[in-house]
Amino acid sequence: MHEPSGGTSTKTRVYLGFDYGLKRIGMAVGDDLTRLARPLPVVTNGREPDWIAIGKLIKEWRPDAVIVGLPVDMEGADQAITGPARNFAQELGSRYGLPMFLVDERLSSRAADDEIRTARADGRKKHRVQKGERDGVAARLILEQYLSGCGRSTPAASAPSEIPKAEAS
């Protein structure tokens, strides 16, 4: 628990971030105290997402809200994957009764690729890139964008209103 200077207790909020893809869904966990996130194992997505695996992670982390990257083009217009990502986000929020927010994820996959490439070039990453690693890094970047307050986020139509973030002290 974080104790602000006023003496009242403020709970650190935990968030799960998702990078929706047609084959894999990248996931990350983070909190509003550190405003940092870390990738979690990717979840497969075939005819439908692996709701059992997602449910286990939600039960384990008990997030206060979920953040889903909204794939749009450089002008902010919908792409072919935007509709399925919105549907996933709404199903996620309603299945688990959690506030859910969409975050503009423009360039998150490219940023994830750049980060992985840089880590390999400077020796921080020694193993070969694993399948799905990009998805987890992209989910982390999406979540950190939300946590930093820099992301354009909107509550999903069926989601409860936004929960306030704890103030930094």
C-alpha atoms as a PDB file:
ATOM      1  CA  MET A   1       0.000   0.000   0.000  1.00  0.00           C
ATOM      2  CA  HIS A   2       1.151   3.458  -0.817  1.00  0.00           C
ATOM      3  CA  GLU A   3       0.738   6.109   1.888  1.00  0.00           C
ATOM      4  CA  PRO A   4       0.349   9.619   0.483  1.00  0.00           C
ATOM      5  CA  SER A   5       1.387  12.579   2.592  1.00  0.00           C
ATOM      6  CA  GLY A   6      -2.221  13.168   3.727  1.00  0.00           C
ATOM      7  CA  GLY A   7      -2.123  10.017   5.864  1.00  0.00           C
ATOM      8  CA  THR A   8      -4.976   8.257   4.077  1.00  0.00           C
ATOM      9  CA  SER A   9      -4.263   4.951   2.431  1.00  0.00           C
ATOM     10  CA  THR A  10      -4.406   4.781  -1.367  1.00  0.00           C
ATOM     11  CA  LYS A  11      -4.362   1.375  -3.015  1.00  0.00           C
ATOM     12  CA  THR A  12      -1.862   0.868  -5.795  1.00  0.00           C
ATOM     13  CA  ARG A  13      -3.894  -0.141  -8.828  1.00  0.00           C
ATOM     14  CA  VAL A  14      -2.850  -3.073 -10.988  1.00  0.00           C
ATOM     15  CA  TYR A  15      -3.627  -3.185 -14.701  1.00  0.00           C
ATOM     16  CA  LEU A  16      -3.412  -5.824 -17.400  1.00  0.00           C
ATOM     17  CA  GLY A  17      -2.561  -4.665 -20.909  1.00  0.00           C
ATOM     18  CA  PHE A  18      -3.438  -6.520 -24.105  1.00  0.00           C
ATOM     19  CA  ASP A  19      -2.074  -6.357 -27.647  1.00  0.00           C
ATOM     20  CA  TYR A  20      -4.764  -8.131 -29.682  1.00  0.00           C
ATOM     21  CA  GLY A  21      -3.726 -10.144 -32.720  1.00  0.00           C
ATOM     22  CA  LEU A  22      -5.485 -12.723 -34.850  1.00  0.00           C
ATOM     23  CA  LYS A  23      -2.968 -15.457 -33.900  1.00  0.00           C
ATOM     24  CA  ARG A  24      -1.633 -14.295 -30.520  1.00  0.00           C
ATOM     25  CA  ILE A  25      -2.594 -11.848 -27.814  1.00  0.00           C
ATOM     26  CA  GLY A  26       0.274 -10.166 -26.031  1.00  0.00           C
ATOM     27  CA  MET A  27      -0.255  -9.451 -22.342  1.00  0.00           C
ATOM     28  CA  ALA A  28       1.482  -7.306 -19.740  1.00  0.00           C
ATOM     29  CA  VAL A  29       0.959  -6.357 -16.099  1.00  0.00           C
ATOM     30  CA  GLY A  30       1.743  -3.014 -14.509  1.00  0.00           C
ATOM     31  CA  ASP A  31       0.711  -0.644 -11.751  1.00  0.00           C
ATOM     32  CA  ASP A  32       0.005   3.036 -11.308  1.00  0.00           C
ATOM     33  CA  LEU A  33       2.643   3.517  -8.596  1.00  0.00           C
ATOM     34  CA  THR A  34       5.717   2.687 -10.695  1.00  0.00           C
ATOM     35  CA  ARG A  35       3.966   3.299 -14.030  1.00  0.00           C
ATOM     36  CA  LEU A  36       6.000   0.385 -15.371  1.00  0.00           C
ATOM     37  CA  ALA A  37       4.821  -2.876 -16.881  1.00  0.00           C
ATOM     38  CA  ARG A  38       6.312  -6.227 -17.770  1.00  0.00           C
ATOM     39  CA  PRO A  39       5.294  -8.734 -20.424  1.00  0.00           C
ATOM     40  CA  LEU A  40       3.368 -11.870 -19.486  1.00  0.00           C
ATOM     41  CA  PRO A  41       3.153 -15.055 -21.550  1.00  0.00           C
ATOM     42  CA  VAL A  42       1.244 -14.606 -24.797  1.00  0.00           C
ATOM     43  CA  VAL A  43      -2.168 -16.200 -25.202  1.00  0.00           C
ATOM     44  CA  THR A  44      -3.184 -18.008 -28.361  1.00  0.00           C
ATOM     45  CA  ASN A  45      -6.017 -16.717 -30.478  1.00  0.00           C
ATOM     46  CA  GLY A  46      -7.671 -18.954 -33.029  1.00  0.00           C
ATOM     47  CA  ARG A  47     -11.388 -19.102 -33.562  1.00  0.00           C
ATOM     48  CA  GLU A  48     -11.579 -17.239 -30.266  1.00  0.00           C
ATOM     49  CA  PRO A  49      -9.142 -16.137 -27.574  1.00  0.00           C
ATOM     50  CA  ASP A  50      -7.968 -18.649 -24.982  1.00  0.00           C
ATOM     51  CA  TRP A  51     -10.412 -17.380 -22.346  1.00  0.00           C
ATOM     52  CA  ILE A  52      -9.278 -20.027 -19.854  1.00  0.00           C
ATOM     53  CA  ALA A  53      -5.664 -18.780 -19.934  1.00  0.00           C
ATOM     54  CA  ILE A  54      -6.831 -15.150 -19.788  1.00  0.00           C
ATOM     55  CA  GLY A  55      -9.134 -15.978 -16.864  1.00  0.00           C
ATOM     56  CA  LYS A  56      -6.261 -17.588 -14.951  1.00  0.00           C
ATOM     57  CA  LEU A  57      -4.104 -14.479 -15.369  1.00  0.00           C
ATOM     58  CA  ILE A  58      -6.957 -12.213 -14.334  1.00  0.00           C
ATOM     59  CA  LYS A  59      -7.537 -14.367 -11.241  1.00  0.00           C
ATOM     60  CA  GLU A  60      -3.802 -14.329 -10.451  1.00  0.00           C
ATOM     61  CA  TRP A  61      -3.242 -10.571 -10.902  1.00  0.00           C
ATOM     62  CA  ARG A  62      -6.713  -9.299  -9.884  1.00  0.00           C
ATOM     63  CA  PRO A  63      -6.437  -6.137 -11.999  1.00  0.00           C
ATOM     64  CA  ASP A  64      -8.424  -2.996 -11.290  1.00  0.00           C
ATOM     65  CA  ALA A  65      -8.900  -2.469 -15.038  1.00  0.00           C
ATOM     66  CA  VAL A  66      -7.793  -3.857 -18.385  1.00  0.00           C
ATOM     67  CA  ILE A  67      -6.212  -1.857 -21.191  1.00  0.00           C
ATOM     68  CA  VAL A  68      -6.496  -2.993 -24.801  1.00  0.00           C
ATOM     69  CA  GLY A  69      -4.512  -1.534 -27.662  1.00  0.00           C
ATOM     70  CA  LEU A  70      -6.714  -0.202 -30.443  1.00  0.00           C
ATOM     71  CA  PRO A  71      -5.091  -0.777 -33.829  1.00  0.00           C
ATOM     72  CA  VAL A  72      -5.650   2.205 -36.110  1.00  0.00           C
ATOM     73  CA  ASP A  73      -3.717   3.489 -39.105  1.00  0.00           C
ATOM     74  CA  MET A  74      -1.436   6.537 -39.050  1.00  0.00           C
ATOM     75  CA  GLU A  75      -4.398   8.868 -39.649  1.00  0.00           C
ATOM     76  CA  GLY A  76      -6.389   7.281 -36.822  1.00  0.00           C
ATOM     77  CA  ALA A  77      -8.811   5.431 -39.094  1.00  0.00           C
ATOM     78  CA  ASP A  78      -9.950   1.869 -38.455  1.00  0.00           C
ATOM     79  CA  GLN A  79      -8.110  -1.059 -40.054  1.00  0.00           C
ATOM     80  CA  ALA A  80      -9.366  -4.579 -40.771  1.00  0.00           C
ATOM     81  CA  ILE A  81      -8.269  -5.702 -37.273  1.00  0.00           C
ATOM     82  CA  THR A  82      -9.831  -2.738 -35.437  1.00  0.00           C
ATOM     83  CA  GLY A  83     -13.322  -4.292 -35.259  1.00  0.00           C
ATOM     84  CA  PRO A  84     -12.124  -7.659 -33.915  1.00  0.00           C
ATOM     85  CA  ALA A  85      -9.919  -5.830 -31.363  1.00  0.00           C
ATOM     86  CA  ARG A  86     -12.914  -3.757 -30.182  1.00  0.00           C
ATOM     87  CA  ASN A  87     -15.027  -6.919 -29.912  1.00  0.00           C
ATOM     88  CA  PHE A  88     -12.285  -8.627 -27.890  1.00  0.00           C
ATOM     89  CA  ALA A  89     -12.041  -5.607 -25.589  1.00  0.00           C
ATOM     90  CA  GLN A  90     -15.795  -5.496 -24.959  1.00  0.00           C
ATOM     91  CA  GLU A  91     -15.962  -9.254 -24.352  1.00  0.00           C
ATOM     92  CA  LEU A  92     -12.983  -9.021 -21.984  1.00  0.00           C
ATOM     93  CA  GLY A  93     -14.598  -6.260 -19.932  1.00  0.00           C
ATOM     94  CA  SER A  94     -18.002  -7.932 -19.756  1.00  0.00           C
ATOM     95  CA  ARG A  95     -16.703 -11.471 -19.041  1.00  0.00           C
ATOM     96  CA  TYR A  96     -14.688 -10.367 -16.037  1.00  0.00           C
ATOM     97  CA  GLY A  97     -16.687  -7.335 -14.917  1.00  0.00           C
ATOM     98  CA  LEU A  98     -13.689  -5.026 -15.159  1.00  0.00           C
ATOM     99  CA  PRO A  99     -13.360  -1.445 -16.373  1.00  0.00           C
ATOM    100  CA  MET A 100     -11.798  -1.597 -19.817  1.00  0.00           C
ATOM    101  CA  PHE A 101     -10.031   1.115 -21.789  1.00  0.00           C
ATOM    102  CA  LEU A 102      -8.901   1.287 -25.376  1.00  0.00           C
ATOM    103  CA  VAL A 103      -5.538   2.923 -26.097  1.00  0.00           C
ATOM    104  CA  ASP A 104      -4.354   4.093 -29.493  1.00  0.00           C
ATOM    105  CA  GLU A 105      -1.594   1.622 -30.274  1.00  0.00           C
ATOM    106  CA  ARG A 106      -0.161   3.229 -33.406  1.00  0.00           C
ATOM    107  CA  LEU A 107       3.402   2.036 -33.965  1.00  0.00           C
ATOM    108  CA  SER A 108       3.512  -0.180 -30.831  1.00  0.00           C
ATOM    109  CA  SER A 109       4.568  -3.269 -32.818  1.00  0.00           C
ATOM    110  CA  ARG A 110       7.250  -1.297 -34.633  1.00  0.00           C
ATOM    111  CA  ALA A 111       8.484   0.118 -31.306  1.00  0.00           C
ATOM    112  CA  ALA A 112       8.535  -3.421 -29.878  1.00  0.00           C
ATOM    113  CA  ASP A 113      10.608  -4.633 -32.854  1.00  0.00           C
ATOM    114  CA  ASP A 114      13.021  -1.716 -32.397  1.00  0.00           C
ATOM    115  CA  GLU A 115      13.372  -2.422 -28.684  1.00  0.00           C
ATOM    116  CA  ILE A 116      14.087  -6.126 -29.256  1.00  0.00           C
ATOM    117  CA  ARG A 117      16.564  -5.337 -32.052  1.00  0.00           C
ATOM    118  CA  THR A 118      18.392  -2.788 -29.864  1.00  0.00           C
ATOM    119  CA  ALA A 119      18.558  -5.236 -26.939  1.00  0.00           C
ATOM    120  CA  ARG A 120      20.124  -7.860 -29.200  1.00  0.00           C
ATOM    121  CA  ALA A 121      22.588  -5.371 -30.710  1.00  0.00           C
ATOM    122  CA  ASP A 122      23.888  -4.109 -27.359  1.00  0.00           C
ATOM    123  CA  GLY A 123      24.081  -7.566 -25.776  1.00  0.00           C
ATOM    124  CA  ARG A 124      21.216  -7.299 -23.261  1.00  0.00           C
ATOM    125  CA  LYS A 125      19.355  -9.997 -25.149  1.00  0.00           C
ATOM    126  CA  LYS A 126      21.380 -13.067 -25.941  1.00  0.00           C
ATOM    127  CA  HIS A 127      18.781 -15.627 -27.022  1.00  0.00           C
ATOM    128  CA  ARG A 128      16.909 -15.757 -30.298  1.00  0.00           C
ATOM    129  CA  VAL A 129      13.645 -13.881 -30.435  1.00  0.00           C
ATOM    130  CA  GLN A 130      10.907 -16.229 -29.282  1.00  0.00           C
ATOM    131  CA  LYS A 131       7.575 -16.523 -31.053  1.00  0.00           C
ATOM    132  CA  GLY A 132       5.193 -14.075 -29.416  1.00  0.00           C
ATOM    133  CA  GLU A 133       7.930 -12.034 -27.739  1.00  0.00           C
ATOM    134  CA  ARG A 134       7.060  -9.013 -29.868  1.00  0.00           C
ATOM    135  CA  ASP A 135       3.417  -9.303 -28.742  1.00  0.00           C
ATOM    136  CA  GLY A 136       4.355  -9.206 -25.057  1.00  0.00           C
ATOM    137  CA  VAL A 137       6.664  -6.226 -25.547  1.00  0.00           C
ATOM    138  CA  ALA A 138       3.945  -4.421 -27.529  1.00  0.00           C
ATOM    139  CA  ALA A 139       1.431  -5.095 -24.715  1.00  0.00           C
ATOM    140  CA  ARG A 140       3.944  -3.679 -22.207  1.00  0.00           C
ATOM    141  CA  LEU A 141       4.419  -0.551 -24.318  1.00  0.00           C
ATOM    142  CA  ILE A 142       0.646  -0.064 -24.683  1.00  0.00           C
ATOM    143  CA  LEU A 143       0.142  -0.437 -20.937  1.00  0.00           C
ATOM    144  CA  GLU A 144       3.036   1.889 -20.065  1.00  0.00           C
ATOM    145  CA  GLN A 145       1.624   4.453 -22.494  1.00  0.00           C
ATOM    146  CA  TYR A 146      -1.686   4.305 -20.586  1.00  0.00           C
ATOM    147  CA  LEU A 147       0.022   4.420 -17.176  1.00  0.00           C
ATOM    148  CA  SER A 148       2.100   7.448 -18.150  1.00  0.00           C
ATOM    149  CA  GLY A 149      -1.032   9.302 -19.161  1.00  0.00           C
ATOM    150  CA  CYS A 150       0.318   9.849 -22.670  1.00  0.00           C
ATOM    151  CA  GLY A 151      -2.030   7.419 -24.375  1.00  0.00           C
ATOM    152  CA  ARG A 152      -5.277   8.537 -25.911  1.00  0.00           C
ATOM    153  CA  SER A 153      -7.596   6.189 -24.042  1.00  0.00           C
ATOM    154  CA  THR A 154     -11.329   5.828 -24.172  1.00  0.00           C
ATOM    155  CA  PRO A 155     -13.613   3.637 -22.107  1.00  0.00           C
ATOM    156  CA  ALA A 156     -15.292   0.934 -24.158  1.00  0.00           C
ATOM    157  CA  ALA A 157     -18.999   1.440 -24.747  1.00  0.00           C
ATOM    158  CA  SER A 158     -20.032  -1.293 -22.323  1.00  0.00           C
ATOM    159  CA  ALA A 159     -17.361  -0.582 -19.710  1.00  0.00           C
ATOM    160  CA  PRO A 160     -17.858   1.323 -16.462  1.00  0.00           C
ATOM    161  CA  SER A 161     -16.428   4.827 -16.258  1.00  0.00           C
ATOM    162  CA  GLU A 162     -12.717   5.372 -15.756  1.00  0.00           C
ATOM    163  CA  ILE A 163     -11.271   4.701 -12.330  1.00  0.00           C
ATOM    164  CA  PRO A 164      -9.044   7.496 -11.026  1.00  0.00           C
ATOM    165  CA  LYS A 165      -5.309   6.893 -10.877  1.00  0.00           C
ATOM    166  CA  ALA A 166      -3.522   7.278  -7.559  1.00  0.00           C
ATOM    167  CA  GLU A 167      -1.627  10.532  -7.368  1.00  0.00           C
ATOM    168  CA  ALA A 168       2.129  10.342  -7.098  1.00  0.00           C
ATOM    169  CA  SER A 169       3.602  11.801  -3.976  1.00  0.00           C
END
